[in-house]
Amino acid sequence: MAIVAARAAADKLGTDVVILDVGDIIGITEAFVLASGSNTRQVRTICDEVEFALKVEADLSPRSVEGLADASWVLVDYGVLIVHVFLTETREFYDLERLWSDAPRIDWEPDRRAVI
């Protein structure tokens, strides 16, 4: 599911898309997917694409979505997976990769079929 979400974010030109395996560290979720957008419209578009892809691929809908109003940091909670989509400057400020630096990264590749 995390790879599906990461690919969906990349398909909408999300940048610095990272999957962190946080399951052994925090126990309330298995993975974080982090992605950045250059403006609030792109952040919303990335979130929409992630929701669509997870619905189609895994029949999953989010438990909750927080932050869409200002779209500087949107958190999409699927229970076993949490997707964080940031404006670039917001992501730099909160620096979740540093905060969760002991979490292993999960390797993934963008869906090459989506590239035009």
Protein backbone atom coordinates (compact mmCIF):
# COMPACT_ATOMS: atom_id res chain seq x y z
CA MET A 1 0.00 0.00 0.00
CA ALA A 2 2.82 2.42 0.79
CA ILE A 3 4.35 1.86 -2.64
CA VAL A 4 0.97 2.45 -4.30
CA ALA A 5 0.68 5.74 -2.39
CA ALA A 6 4.26 6.76 -3.22
CA ARG A 7 3.76 6.04 -6.92
CA ALA A 8 0.49 8.01 -6.91
CA ALA A 9 2.27 11.00 -5.35
CA ALA A 10 5.08 10.75 -7.90
CA ASP A 11 2.55 10.51 -10.75
CA LYS A 12 1.30 13.98 -9.79
CA LEU A 13 4.87 15.29 -9.70
CA GLY A 14 5.26 15.14 -5.95
CA THR A 15 8.90 15.63 -5.06
CA ASP A 16 11.19 13.89 -2.58
CA VAL A 17 8.73 11.02 -2.14
CA VAL A 18 9.96 8.81 0.71
CA ILE A 19 8.54 5.76 2.46
CA LEU A 20 9.59 5.26 6.09
CA ASP A 21 9.03 1.93 7.86
CA VAL A 22 7.94 3.17 11.30
CA GLY A 23 6.06 0.07 12.49
CA ASP A 24 8.73 -1.10 14.95
CA ILE A 25 9.22 2.42 16.29
CA ILE A 26 5.75 3.76 17.00
CA GLY A 27 3.41 0.78 16.77
CA ILE A 28 0.31 2.72 15.69
CA THR A 29 1.04 2.52 11.96
CA GLU A 30 3.33 0.56 9.69
CA ALA A 31 4.62 3.24 7.33
CA PHE A 32 4.76 6.93 6.56
CA VAL A 33 4.76 8.18 2.99
CA LEU A 34 6.13 11.71 2.68
CA ALA A 35 5.85 13.87 -0.42
CA SER A 36 6.16 17.55 -1.26
CA GLY A 37 4.26 19.84 -3.58
CA SER A 38 5.29 23.26 -4.79
CA ASN A 39 1.92 24.93 -4.10
CA THR A 40 -1.35 24.22 -2.30
CA ARG A 41 -3.12 23.15 -5.48
CA GLN A 42 -0.48 20.53 -6.14
CA VAL A 43 -0.62 19.33 -2.52
CA ARG A 44 -4.38 18.79 -2.87
CA THR A 45 -3.93 17.07 -6.24
CA ILE A 46 -1.35 14.69 -4.79
CA CYS A 47 -3.71 13.83 -1.93
CA ASP A 48 -6.58 13.22 -4.35
CA GLU A 49 -4.41 10.92 -6.49
CA VAL A 50 -3.23 8.94 -3.45
CA GLU A 51 -6.83 8.49 -2.29
CA PHE A 52 -7.91 7.39 -5.78
CA ALA A 53 -5.01 4.95 -6.22
CA LEU A 54 -5.50 3.30 -2.82
CA LYS A 55 -9.24 2.99 -3.45
CA VAL A 56 -8.67 1.36 -6.85
CA GLU A 57 -5.69 -0.82 -5.92
CA ALA A 58 -6.61 -1.86 -2.37
CA ASP A 59 -10.23 -0.77 -1.84
CA LEU A 60 -9.02 1.50 0.97
CA SER A 61 -10.50 4.79 2.06
CA PRO A 62 -8.84 7.10 4.57
CA ARG A 63 -9.95 7.02 8.20
CA SER A 64 -9.39 10.76 8.34
CA VAL A 65 -7.82 13.61 6.42
CA GLU A 66 -6.40 16.63 8.23
CA GLY A 67 -5.05 19.90 6.87
CA LEU A 68 -6.82 20.26 3.53
CA ALA A 69 -8.12 23.71 4.45
CA ASP A 70 -4.73 25.41 4.17
CA ALA A 71 -2.92 22.49 2.44
CA SER A 72 0.52 23.32 3.79
CA TRP A 73 0.65 19.89 5.48
CA VAL A 74 -2.03 17.32 4.75
CA LEU A 75 -2.14 14.10 6.73
CA VAL A 76 -4.12 11.22 5.21
CA ASP A 77 -4.60 8.43 7.76
CA TYR A 78 -5.27 4.90 6.54
CA GLY A 79 -4.52 3.21 9.87
CA VAL A 80 -1.65 1.01 8.73
CA LEU A 81 -0.34 3.79 6.53
CA ILE A 82 -0.13 7.55 7.03
CA VAL A 83 0.52 9.81 4.06
CA HIS A 84 2.02 13.26 4.71
CA VAL A 85 1.91 15.74 1.82
CA PHE A 86 3.64 19.06 2.46
CA LEU A 87 4.39 22.33 0.83
CA THR A 88 8.15 22.19 0.29
CA GLU A 89 8.93 24.89 2.87
CA THR A 90 6.63 23.30 5.47
CA ARG A 91 8.37 19.95 5.02
CA GLU A 92 11.75 21.58 5.45
CA PHE A 93 10.59 23.29 8.65
CA TYR A 94 9.19 20.14 10.32
CA ASP A 95 11.87 17.81 8.87
CA LEU A 96 10.12 14.52 9.65
CA GLU A 97 12.95 12.57 8.04
CA ARG A 98 15.28 13.85 10.76
CA LEU A 99 12.69 13.24 13.47
CA TRP A 100 12.25 9.64 12.28
CA SER A 101 15.87 9.16 11.18
CA ASP A 102 16.05 5.76 12.87
CA ALA A 103 13.21 4.46 10.65
CA PRO A 104 14.42 2.42 7.68
CA ARG A 105 13.50 3.69 4.23
CA ILE A 106 11.57 1.39 1.94
CA ASP A 107 12.92 1.28 -1.61
CA TRP A 108 10.44 1.84 -4.41
CA GLU A 109 10.43 2.86 -8.03
CA PRO A 110 8.01 5.22 -9.80
CA ASP A 111 5.53 3.58 -12.17
CA ARG A 112 7.32 3.92 -15.50
CA ARG A 113 4.03 3.49 -17.39
CA ALA A 114 2.85 6.80 -15.99
CA VAL A 115 5.76 8.73 -17.53
CA ILE A 116 4.85 10.41 -20.81
